Amino acid sequence: MSADYLQNLNDAVEQIVRQKTFSEIIHGLKEELSHSEDPFVWSVIDLRPVNGSLPEKIKTGWVFALKMGIRDGQAHWNCSM
């Protein structure tokens, strides 16, 4: 993995977190998490605004909100820890 590849990923993440819609998603996830018995909640992120900044292979983006104090690495269905 090249430094340019990692820089492109970093630039894309910076663009995503500056978006108003991202802040709204985070706020909604925090609210949902506070009422959920699950250890985490998640949402899909719209990558169209940063599509040119992402490597071609990246097609989807997700953001997860985790409850504090959860130590079970198997809490997520896709976890291999």
N, C-alpha and C. Protein backbone atom coordinates (compact mmCIF):
# COMPACT_ATOMS: atom_id res chain seq x y z
N MET A 1 0.86 -1.17 0.00
CA MET A 1 0.00 0.00 0.00
C MET A 1 0.91 1.24 0.00
N SER A 2 0.70 2.09 -0.95
CA SER A 2 1.58 3.25 -1.11
C SER A 2 1.14 4.42 -0.22
N ALA A 3 2.07 5.33 -0.04
CA ALA A 3 1.77 6.54 0.74
C ALA A 3 0.72 7.38 0.01
N ASP A 4 0.74 7.39 -1.31
CA ASP A 4 -0.27 8.14 -2.07
C ASP A 4 -1.67 7.57 -1.86
N TYR A 5 -1.76 6.25 -1.84
CA TYR A 5 -3.04 5.58 -1.60
C TYR A 5 -3.59 5.98 -0.23
N LEU A 6 -2.74 5.92 0.78
CA LEU A 6 -3.16 6.30 2.13
C LEU A 6 -3.51 7.78 2.21
N GLN A 7 -2.78 8.61 1.52
CA GLN A 7 -3.10 10.05 1.51
C GLN A 7 -4.45 10.29 0.86
N ASN A 8 -4.76 9.57 -0.23
CA ASN A 8 -6.07 9.71 -0.88
C ASN A 8 -7.19 9.30 0.07
N LEU A 9 -6.99 8.22 0.81
CA LEU A 9 -7.99 7.80 1.79
C LEU A 9 -8.17 8.86 2.87
N ASN A 10 -7.06 9.39 3.36
CA ASN A 10 -7.12 10.42 4.39
C ASN A 10 -7.85 11.66 3.89
N ASP A 11 -7.56 12.08 2.68
CA ASP A 11 -8.22 13.26 2.10
C ASP A 11 -9.72 13.03 1.96
N ALA A 12 -10.10 11.82 1.53
CA ALA A 12 -11.52 11.51 1.38
C ALA A 12 -12.23 11.54 2.72
N VAL A 13 -11.62 10.97 3.76
CA VAL A 13 -12.22 10.99 5.09
C VAL A 13 -12.38 12.42 5.59
N GLU A 14 -11.38 13.25 5.37
CA GLU A 14 -11.48 14.65 5.78
C GLU A 14 -12.66 15.34 5.10
N GLN A 15 -12.86 15.05 3.82
CA GLN A 15 -14.00 15.63 3.10
C GLN A 15 -15.32 15.13 3.68
N ILE A 16 -15.38 13.85 3.97
CA ILE A 16 -16.62 13.25 4.49
C ILE A 16 -16.98 13.86 5.84
N VAL A 17 -16.04 13.94 6.76
CA VAL A 17 -16.37 14.40 8.11
C VAL A 17 -16.71 15.90 8.15
N ARG A 18 -16.33 16.64 7.11
CA ARG A 18 -16.69 18.06 7.04
C ARG A 18 -18.10 18.29 6.50
N GLN A 19 -18.72 17.28 5.95
CA GLN A 19 -20.05 17.43 5.37
C GLN A 19 -21.11 17.57 6.46
N LYS A 20 -22.05 18.45 6.21
CA LYS A 20 -23.15 18.65 7.16
C LYS A 20 -23.94 17.36 7.34
N THR A 21 -24.14 16.63 6.27
CA THR A 21 -24.91 15.38 6.37
C THR A 21 -24.21 14.37 7.27
N PHE A 22 -22.88 14.38 7.28
CA PHE A 22 -22.15 13.45 8.15
C PHE A 22 -22.41 13.80 9.61
N SER A 23 -22.37 15.08 9.94
CA SER A 23 -22.66 15.51 11.32
C SER A 23 -24.07 15.10 11.72
N GLU A 24 -25.00 15.22 10.79
CA GLU A 24 -26.39 14.83 11.07
C GLU A 24 -26.49 13.31 11.30
N ILE A 25 -25.75 12.54 10.51
CA ILE A 25 -25.73 11.08 10.69
C ILE A 25 -25.19 10.74 12.07
N ILE A 26 -24.08 11.35 12.46
CA ILE A 26 -23.48 11.07 13.77
C ILE A 26 -24.45 11.42 14.88
N HIS A 27 -25.08 12.56 14.79
CA HIS A 27 -26.06 12.97 15.80
C HIS A 27 -27.18 11.93 15.90
N GLY A 28 -27.69 11.49 14.76
CA GLY A 28 -28.76 10.50 14.75
C GLY A 28 -28.32 9.17 15.32
N LEU A 29 -27.09 8.76 15.02
CA LEU A 29 -26.57 7.50 15.57
C LEU A 29 -26.42 7.57 17.08
N LYS A 30 -25.92 8.68 17.58
CA LYS A 30 -25.80 8.83 19.03
C LYS A 30 -27.15 8.75 19.71
N GLU A 31 -28.14 9.39 19.10
CA GLU A 31 -29.50 9.34 19.64
C GLU A 31 -30.04 7.92 19.60
N GLU A 32 -29.87 7.26 18.47
CA GLU A 32 -30.34 5.88 18.34
C GLU A 32 -29.64 4.96 19.34
N LEU A 33 -28.35 5.14 19.52
CA LEU A 33 -27.58 4.31 20.43
C LEU A 33 -28.04 4.47 21.87
N SER A 34 -28.43 5.68 22.23
CA SER A 34 -28.86 5.93 23.61
C SER A 34 -30.16 5.21 23.94
N HIS A 35 -30.93 4.80 22.93
CA HIS A 35 -32.20 4.10 23.15
C HIS A 35 -32.12 2.62 22.77
N SER A 36 -30.95 2.16 22.39
CA SER A 36 -30.80 0.80 21.90
C SER A 36 -30.15 -0.10 22.95
N GLU A 37 -30.53 -1.36 22.93
CA GLU A 37 -29.86 -2.35 23.78
C GLU A 37 -28.67 -2.97 23.07
N ASP A 38 -28.54 -2.69 21.79
CA ASP A 38 -27.42 -3.23 21.01
C ASP A 38 -26.12 -2.52 21.38
N PRO A 39 -24.98 -3.20 21.18
CA PRO A 39 -23.69 -2.59 21.52
C PRO A 39 -23.24 -1.54 20.51
N PHE A 40 -23.89 -1.47 19.35
CA PHE A 40 -23.52 -0.50 18.33
C PHE A 40 -24.69 -0.26 17.39
N VAL A 41 -24.63 0.85 16.68
CA VAL A 41 -25.55 1.16 15.59
C VAL A 41 -24.70 1.65 14.43
N TRP A 42 -25.25 1.65 13.23
CA TRP A 42 -24.46 2.03 12.07
C TRP A 42 -25.33 2.67 11.01
N SER A 43 -24.64 3.32 10.06
CA SER A 43 -25.32 3.93 8.93
C SER A 43 -24.39 3.89 7.73
N VAL A 44 -24.98 3.86 6.56
CA VAL A 44 -24.23 3.94 5.31
C VAL A 44 -23.91 5.41 5.05
N ILE A 45 -22.74 5.67 4.51
CA ILE A 45 -22.32 7.03 4.16
C ILE A 45 -22.37 7.18 2.64
N ASP A 46 -22.93 8.27 2.19
CA ASP A 46 -22.96 8.58 0.76
C ASP A 46 -21.57 9.02 0.31
N LEU A 47 -20.96 8.23 -0.53
CA LEU A 47 -19.60 8.52 -0.99
C LEU A 47 -19.55 9.32 -2.28
N ARG A 48 -20.69 9.62 -2.87
CA ARG A 48 -20.69 10.35 -4.15
C ARG A 48 -19.95 11.68 -4.08
N PRO A 49 -20.08 12.46 -2.99
CA PRO A 49 -19.37 13.74 -2.96
C PRO A 49 -17.84 13.61 -2.99
N VAL A 50 -17.30 12.46 -2.63
CA VAL A 50 -15.83 12.28 -2.61
C VAL A 50 -15.39 11.18 -3.57
N ASN A 51 -16.26 10.79 -4.46
CA ASN A 51 -15.99 9.65 -5.33
C ASN A 51 -14.66 9.76 -6.06
N GLY A 52 -14.29 10.93 -6.54
CA GLY A 52 -13.04 11.10 -7.25
C GLY A 52 -11.81 10.97 -6.37
N SER A 53 -11.97 11.12 -5.06
CA SER A 53 -10.85 11.05 -4.14
C SER A 53 -10.58 9.64 -3.64
N LEU A 54 -11.53 8.74 -3.87
CA LEU A 54 -11.40 7.38 -3.35
C LEU A 54 -10.80 6.44 -4.39
N PRO A 55 -10.07 5.44 -3.91
CA PRO A 55 -9.61 4.40 -4.84
C PRO A 55 -10.82 3.71 -5.49
N GLU A 56 -10.64 3.28 -6.71
CA GLU A 56 -11.72 2.68 -7.51
C GLU A 56 -12.40 1.51 -6.81
N LYS A 57 -11.65 0.74 -6.03
CA LYS A 57 -12.20 -0.47 -5.38
C LYS A 57 -13.17 -0.15 -4.25
N ILE A 58 -13.13 1.05 -3.70
CA ILE A 58 -14.01 1.40 -2.59
C ILE A 58 -15.36 1.84 -3.15
N LYS A 59 -16.39 1.06 -2.83
CA LYS A 59 -17.73 1.31 -3.37
C LYS A 59 -18.72 1.76 -2.31
N THR A 60 -18.45 1.44 -1.03
CA THR A 60 -19.39 1.78 0.04
C THR A 60 -18.62 2.33 1.24
N GLY A 61 -19.34 3.06 2.07
CA GLY A 61 -18.77 3.58 3.31
C GLY A 61 -19.80 3.45 4.42
N TRP A 62 -19.34 3.06 5.59
CA TRP A 62 -20.21 2.90 6.75
C TRP A 62 -19.56 3.63 7.93
N VAL A 63 -20.40 4.09 8.84
CA VAL A 63 -19.92 4.65 10.09
C VAL A 63 -20.65 3.93 11.22
N PHE A 64 -19.90 3.60 12.27
CA PHE A 64 -20.43 2.88 13.41
C PHE A 64 -20.33 3.74 14.66
N ALA A 65 -21.33 3.68 15.50
CA ALA A 65 -21.28 4.30 16.83
C ALA A 65 -21.33 3.15 17.83
N LEU A 66 -20.34 3.11 18.72
CA LEU A 66 -20.22 2.02 19.68
C LEU A 66 -20.49 2.53 21.09
N LYS A 67 -21.14 1.69 21.88
CA LYS A 67 -21.34 2.05 23.28
C LYS A 67 -20.02 1.97 24.02
N MET A 68 -19.85 2.88 24.95
CA MET A 68 -18.65 2.86 25.78
C MET A 68 -18.66 1.63 26.66
N GLY A 69 -17.47 1.09 26.92
CA GLY A 69 -17.34 -0.02 27.84
C GLY A 69 -17.58 -1.39 27.23
N ILE A 70 -17.93 -1.47 25.97
CA ILE A 70 -18.13 -2.77 25.33
C ILE A 70 -16.76 -3.34 24.99
N ARG A 71 -16.46 -4.50 25.54
CA ARG A 71 -15.14 -5.09 25.34
C ARG A 71 -15.19 -6.38 24.52
N ASP A 72 -16.35 -6.83 24.18
CA ASP A 72 -16.50 -8.07 23.43
C ASP A 72 -16.18 -7.83 21.97
N GLY A 73 -15.05 -8.33 21.49
CA GLY A 73 -14.65 -8.15 20.10
C GLY A 73 -15.59 -8.84 19.13
N GLN A 74 -16.40 -9.75 19.59
CA GLN A 74 -17.33 -10.45 18.72
C GLN A 74 -18.68 -9.77 18.66
N ALA A 75 -18.82 -8.55 19.17
CA ALA A 75 -20.10 -7.88 19.19
C ALA A 75 -20.61 -7.56 17.79
N HIS A 76 -19.71 -7.40 16.85
CA HIS A 76 -20.12 -7.11 15.47
C HIS A 76 -20.08 -8.39 14.65
N TRP A 77 -21.09 -8.61 13.83
CA TRP A 77 -21.24 -9.84 13.06
C TRP A 77 -20.11 -10.06 12.07
N ASN A 78 -19.39 -9.02 11.70
CA ASN A 78 -18.32 -9.16 10.71
C ASN A 78 -16.94 -9.08 11.36
N CYS A 79 -16.89 -9.20 12.66
CA CYS A 79 -15.63 -9.06 13.39
C CYS A 79 -14.87 -10.39 13.40
N SER A 80 -13.57 -10.33 13.17
CA SER A 80 -12.76 -11.55 13.20
C SER A 80 -11.74 -11.51 14.32
N MET A 81 -11.94 -10.64 15.28
CA MET A 81 -10.98 -10.51 16.38
C MET A 81 -11.15 -11.63 17.38
